[in-house]
Amino acid sequence: MPYRILVLNGPNLGALGQRQPEIYGSEGLDAIPGLVHELLGENAARLEFFQSNHEGALIDRLEQARREGVDGVAFNAGALTHSSLALADCLAWIGLPCVEVHVSNVFARTEDPIRQRSFMAKHCLGVVSGFGLSSYALAVQALVFHLNRQHS
């Protein structure tokens, strides 16, 4: 049975493909399932998507994922990555494997050094950054690998 993976997106990510294509590319979130299936095949994961511009809605969705028994989370919190202690606190207690995702290489974004800091990272298995929308597929791959190892 495929793993249930929540692909969670924070502020402004609903506008991917339209917003700053020179940084974030020209494809929207709707391209992610195809990228995941191309990398992992059709049956490796069942993806569930949620995007909100509101921090509280993201926390509510993480708590709901825990209650529902979601297997893992690929989470691009956008700018909240660098500022939200509340999201970090939620990740710390819910106990779900999470991979932090970024479309751009946040570590190369020297114009704004705060983007190189993450409150979430210490509560995640790892960080995938800089591969465009393929970062999501790589994050899901890492989650599936982790979950397979846990269950073997």
C-alpha atoms as a PDB file:
ATOM      1  CA  MET A   1       0.000   0.000   0.000  1.00  0.00           C
ATOM      2  CA  PRO A   2       1.425   3.425  -0.877  1.00  0.00           C
ATOM      3  CA  TYR A   3       2.440   5.795   1.873  1.00  0.00           C
ATOM      4  CA  ARG A   4       0.263   8.845   2.570  1.00  0.00           C
ATOM      5  CA  ILE A   5       2.437  11.902   2.114  1.00  0.00           C
ATOM      6  CA  LEU A   6       1.185  15.392   2.845  1.00  0.00           C
ATOM      7  CA  VAL A   7       2.713  18.029   0.559  1.00  0.00           C
ATOM      8  CA  LEU A   8       2.271  21.173   2.617  1.00  0.00           C
ATOM      9  CA  ASN A   9       2.882  24.665   1.276  1.00  0.00           C
ATOM     10  CA  GLY A  10       2.959  28.009   3.012  1.00  0.00           C
ATOM     11  CA  PRO A  11       2.541  31.657   2.019  1.00  0.00           C
ATOM     12  CA  ASN A  12       2.770  32.727  -1.613  1.00  0.00           C
ATOM     13  CA  LEU A  13       3.441  29.200  -2.877  1.00  0.00           C
ATOM     14  CA  GLY A  14       0.021  28.990  -4.493  1.00  0.00           C
ATOM     15  CA  ALA A  15       1.407  31.544  -6.949  1.00  0.00           C
ATOM     16  CA  LEU A  16       4.343  29.399  -8.095  1.00  0.00           C
ATOM     17  CA  GLY A  17       4.691  29.642 -11.840  1.00  0.00           C
ATOM     18  CA  GLN A  18       3.546  33.267 -11.800  1.00  0.00           C
ATOM     19  CA  ARG A  19       5.612  34.789  -9.018  1.00  0.00           C
ATOM     20  CA  GLN A  20       9.253  35.617  -9.680  1.00  0.00           C
ATOM     21  CA  PRO A  21       9.868  32.915 -12.312  1.00  0.00           C
ATOM     22  CA  GLU A  22      13.549  33.896 -12.414  1.00  0.00           C
ATOM     23  CA  ILE A  23      13.843  32.500  -8.859  1.00  0.00           C
ATOM     24  CA  TYR A  24      11.034  29.939  -8.612  1.00  0.00           C
ATOM     25  CA  GLY A  25      10.543  28.771 -12.208  1.00  0.00           C
ATOM     26  CA  SER A  26       7.512  28.821 -14.463  1.00  0.00           C
ATOM     27  CA  GLU A  27       5.645  25.711 -13.261  1.00  0.00           C
ATOM     28  CA  GLY A  28       2.955  25.686 -10.579  1.00  0.00           C
ATOM     29  CA  LEU A  29       2.215  23.269  -7.763  1.00  0.00           C
ATOM     30  CA  ASP A  30       0.060  21.214 -10.134  1.00  0.00           C
ATOM     31  CA  ALA A  31       3.273  19.885 -11.743  1.00  0.00           C
ATOM     32  CA  ILE A  32       4.402  18.135  -8.535  1.00  0.00           C
ATOM     33  CA  PRO A  33       2.427  14.870  -8.882  1.00  0.00           C
ATOM     34  CA  GLY A  34       3.903  14.246 -12.323  1.00  0.00           C
ATOM     35  CA  LEU A  35       7.432  14.861 -11.048  1.00  0.00           C
ATOM     36  CA  VAL A  36       6.913  12.504  -8.101  1.00  0.00           C
ATOM     37  CA  HIS A  37       5.457   9.768 -10.311  1.00  0.00           C
ATOM     38  CA  GLU A  38       8.284  10.211 -12.828  1.00  0.00           C
ATOM     39  CA  LEU A  39      10.864   9.694 -10.068  1.00  0.00           C
ATOM     40  CA  LEU A  40       9.130   7.046  -7.956  1.00  0.00           C
ATOM     41  CA  GLY A  41       6.449   5.464 -10.133  1.00  0.00           C
ATOM     42  CA  GLU A  42       2.696   5.613  -9.719  1.00  0.00           C
ATOM     43  CA  ASN A  43       2.315   3.577  -6.531  1.00  0.00           C
ATOM     44  CA  ALA A  44       5.100   4.690  -4.190  1.00  0.00           C
ATOM     45  CA  ALA A  45       3.092   7.400  -2.463  1.00  0.00           C
ATOM     46  CA  ARG A  46      -0.397   8.821  -2.258  1.00  0.00           C
ATOM     47  CA  LEU A  47       0.007  12.580  -2.231  1.00  0.00           C
ATOM     48  CA  GLU A  48      -2.281  14.963  -0.401  1.00  0.00           C
ATOM     49  CA  PHE A  49      -1.870  18.690  -0.990  1.00  0.00           C
ATOM     50  CA  PHE A  50      -2.575  21.697   1.181  1.00  0.00           C
ATOM     51  CA  GLN A  51      -1.516  25.317   0.738  1.00  0.00           C
ATOM     52  CA  SER A  52      -2.295  28.278   2.937  1.00  0.00           C
ATOM     53  CA  ASN A  53      -1.043  31.791   3.384  1.00  0.00           C
ATOM     54  CA  HIS A  54      -1.894  31.538   7.097  1.00  0.00           C
ATOM     55  CA  GLU A  55       0.414  30.139   9.750  1.00  0.00           C
ATOM     56  CA  GLY A  56      -2.433  28.862  11.956  1.00  0.00           C
ATOM     57  CA  ALA A  57      -4.014  26.948   9.061  1.00  0.00           C
ATOM     58  CA  LEU A  58      -0.674  25.198   8.425  1.00  0.00           C
ATOM     59  CA  ILE A  59      -0.440  24.219  12.102  1.00  0.00           C
ATOM     60  CA  ASP A  60      -4.034  22.981  12.037  1.00  0.00           C
ATOM     61  CA  ARG A  61      -3.260  20.859   8.957  1.00  0.00           C
ATOM     62  CA  LEU A  62      -0.143  19.357  10.576  1.00  0.00           C
ATOM     63  CA  GLU A  63      -2.145  18.417  13.675  1.00  0.00           C
ATOM     64  CA  GLN A  64      -4.875  16.946  11.458  1.00  0.00           C
ATOM     65  CA  ALA A  65      -2.245  14.922   9.567  1.00  0.00           C
ATOM     66  CA  ARG A  66      -1.098  13.428  12.880  1.00  0.00           C
ATOM     67  CA  ARG A  67      -4.675  12.493  13.842  1.00  0.00           C
ATOM     68  CA  GLU A  68      -5.322  10.974  10.386  1.00  0.00           C
ATOM     69  CA  GLY A  69      -2.186   8.837  10.461  1.00  0.00           C
ATOM     70  CA  VAL A  70      -0.421  10.500   7.532  1.00  0.00           C
ATOM     71  CA  ASP A  71       2.946   8.776   7.055  1.00  0.00           C
ATOM     72  CA  GLY A  72       5.106  11.811   6.286  1.00  0.00           C
ATOM     73  CA  VAL A  73       5.206  15.467   5.288  1.00  0.00           C
ATOM     74  CA  ALA A  74       7.079  17.307   2.544  1.00  0.00           C
ATOM     75  CA  PHE A  75       6.856  20.879   3.817  1.00  0.00           C
ATOM     76  CA  ASN A  76       7.699  24.135   2.079  1.00  0.00           C
ATOM     77  CA  ALA A  77       6.757  26.762   4.627  1.00  0.00           C
ATOM     78  CA  GLY A  78       8.028  29.587   2.413  1.00  0.00           C
ATOM     79  CA  ALA A  79       9.158  32.618   4.388  1.00  0.00           C
ATOM     80  CA  LEU A  80       7.660  31.134   7.582  1.00  0.00           C
ATOM     81  CA  THR A  81      10.601  28.706   7.564  1.00  0.00           C
ATOM     82  CA  HIS A  82      12.793  31.566   8.696  1.00  0.00           C
ATOM     83  CA  SER A  83      10.462  33.154  11.222  1.00  0.00           C
ATOM     84  CA  SER A  84       7.897  30.758  12.703  1.00  0.00           C
ATOM     85  CA  LEU A  85       8.641  29.282  16.092  1.00  0.00           C
ATOM     86  CA  ALA A  86       5.020  28.094  16.147  1.00  0.00           C
ATOM     87  CA  LEU A  87       5.527  25.843  13.101  1.00  0.00           C
ATOM     88  CA  ALA A  88       8.795  24.538  14.531  1.00  0.00           C
ATOM     89  CA  ASP A  89       7.075  23.776  17.839  1.00  0.00           C
ATOM     90  CA  CYS A  90       4.310  21.920  16.017  1.00  0.00           C
ATOM     91  CA  LEU A  91       6.795  19.810  14.056  1.00  0.00           C
ATOM     92  CA  ALA A  92       8.617  19.030  17.305  1.00  0.00           C
ATOM     93  CA  TRP A  93       5.605  17.434  18.963  1.00  0.00           C
ATOM     94  CA  ILE A  94       3.531  15.821  16.194  1.00  0.00           C
ATOM     95  CA  GLY A  95       6.068  13.059  15.584  1.00  0.00           C
ATOM     96  CA  LEU A  96       5.643  12.816  11.813  1.00  0.00           C
ATOM     97  CA  PRO A  97       8.693  12.411   9.589  1.00  0.00           C
ATOM     98  CA  CYS A  98       9.110  15.656   7.696  1.00  0.00           C
ATOM     99  CA  VAL A  99      11.424  16.869   4.949  1.00  0.00           C
ATOM    100  CA  GLU A 100      11.832  20.624   4.582  1.00  0.00           C
ATOM    101  CA  VAL A 101      11.511  21.717   0.946  1.00  0.00           C
ATOM    102  CA  HIS A 102      12.645  24.822  -0.917  1.00  0.00           C
ATOM    103  CA  VAL A 103      12.342  25.488  -4.638  1.00  0.00           C
ATOM    104  CA  SER A 104      15.294  27.884  -4.669  1.00  0.00           C
ATOM    105  CA  ASN A 105      18.676  27.246  -3.078  1.00  0.00           C
ATOM    106  CA  VAL A 106      18.076  29.215   0.094  1.00  0.00           C
ATOM    107  CA  PHE A 107      21.717  28.785   1.114  1.00  0.00           C
ATOM    108  CA  ALA A 108      22.855  30.656  -2.001  1.00  0.00           C
ATOM    109  CA  ARG A 109      20.423  33.550  -1.457  1.00  0.00           C
ATOM    110  CA  THR A 110      23.038  35.866   0.021  1.00  0.00           C
ATOM    111  CA  GLU A 111      20.995  38.984  -0.793  1.00  0.00           C
ATOM    112  CA  ASP A 112      18.859  38.143   2.233  1.00  0.00           C
ATOM    113  CA  PRO A 113      20.857  36.123   4.812  1.00  0.00           C
ATOM    114  CA  ILE A 114      17.768  35.403   6.943  1.00  0.00           C
ATOM    115  CA  ARG A 115      16.727  32.932   4.193  1.00  0.00           C
ATOM    116  CA  GLN A 116      19.696  30.764   5.193  1.00  0.00           C
ATOM    117  CA  ARG A 117      18.223  30.182   8.663  1.00  0.00           C
ATOM    118  CA  SER A 118      15.488  27.659   9.411  1.00  0.00           C
ATOM    119  CA  PHE A 119      13.575  27.217  12.630  1.00  0.00           C
ATOM    120  CA  MET A 120      12.080  24.007  11.196  1.00  0.00           C
ATOM    121  CA  ALA A 121      15.203  22.115  10.073  1.00  0.00           C
ATOM    122  CA  LYS A 122      16.100  20.586  13.430  1.00  0.00           C
ATOM    123  CA  HIS A 123      12.667  18.936  13.530  1.00  0.00           C
ATOM    124  CA  CYS A 124      12.996  17.490  10.011  1.00  0.00           C
ATOM    125  CA  LEU A 125      14.769  14.458   8.589  1.00  0.00           C
ATOM    126  CA  GLY A 126      16.562  16.772   6.175  1.00  0.00           C
ATOM    127  CA  VAL A 127      16.287  19.675   3.769  1.00  0.00           C
ATOM    128  CA  VAL A 128      15.968  19.573  -0.021  1.00  0.00           C
ATOM    129  CA  SER A 129      16.735  22.943  -1.579  1.00  0.00           C
ATOM    130  CA  GLY A 130      17.516  24.369  -4.975  1.00  0.00           C
ATOM    131  CA  PHE A 131      16.146  21.842  -7.457  1.00  0.00           C
ATOM    132  CA  GLY A 132      13.065  23.784  -8.502  1.00  0.00           C
ATOM    133  CA  LEU A 133       9.835  21.842  -8.252  1.00  0.00           C
ATOM    134  CA  SER A 134      11.890  18.646  -8.396  1.00  0.00           C
ATOM    135  CA  SER A 135      12.793  19.442  -4.775  1.00  0.00           C
ATOM    136  CA  TYR A 136       9.326  18.147  -3.852  1.00  0.00           C
ATOM    137  CA  ALA A 137       9.863  14.861  -5.706  1.00  0.00           C
ATOM    138  CA  LEU A 138      13.243  14.423  -4.024  1.00  0.00           C
ATOM    139  CA  ALA A 139      11.675  15.135  -0.624  1.00  0.00           C
ATOM    140  CA  VAL A 140       8.961  12.528  -1.226  1.00  0.00           C
ATOM    141  CA  GLN A 141      11.643  10.064  -2.347  1.00  0.00           C
ATOM    142  CA  ALA A 142      13.556  10.685   0.900  1.00  0.00           C
ATOM    143  CA  LEU A 143      10.378  10.154   2.937  1.00  0.00           C
ATOM    144  CA  VAL A 144       9.564   6.893   1.143  1.00  0.00           C
ATOM    145  CA  PHE A 145      13.144   5.675   1.659  1.00  0.00           C
ATOM    146  CA  HIS A 146      12.963   6.579   5.366  1.00  0.00           C
ATOM    147  CA  LEU A 147       9.564   4.916   5.819  1.00  0.00           C
ATOM    148  CA  ASN A 148      10.689   1.758   3.993  1.00  0.00           C
ATOM    149  CA  ARG A 149      13.707   1.487   6.292  1.00  0.00           C
ATOM    150  CA  GLN A 150      11.513   2.001   9.359  1.00  0.00           C
ATOM    151  CA  HIS A 151       9.148  -0.768   8.255  1.00  0.00           C
ATOM    152  CA  SER A 152      11.787  -3.325   7.283  1.00  0.00           C
END
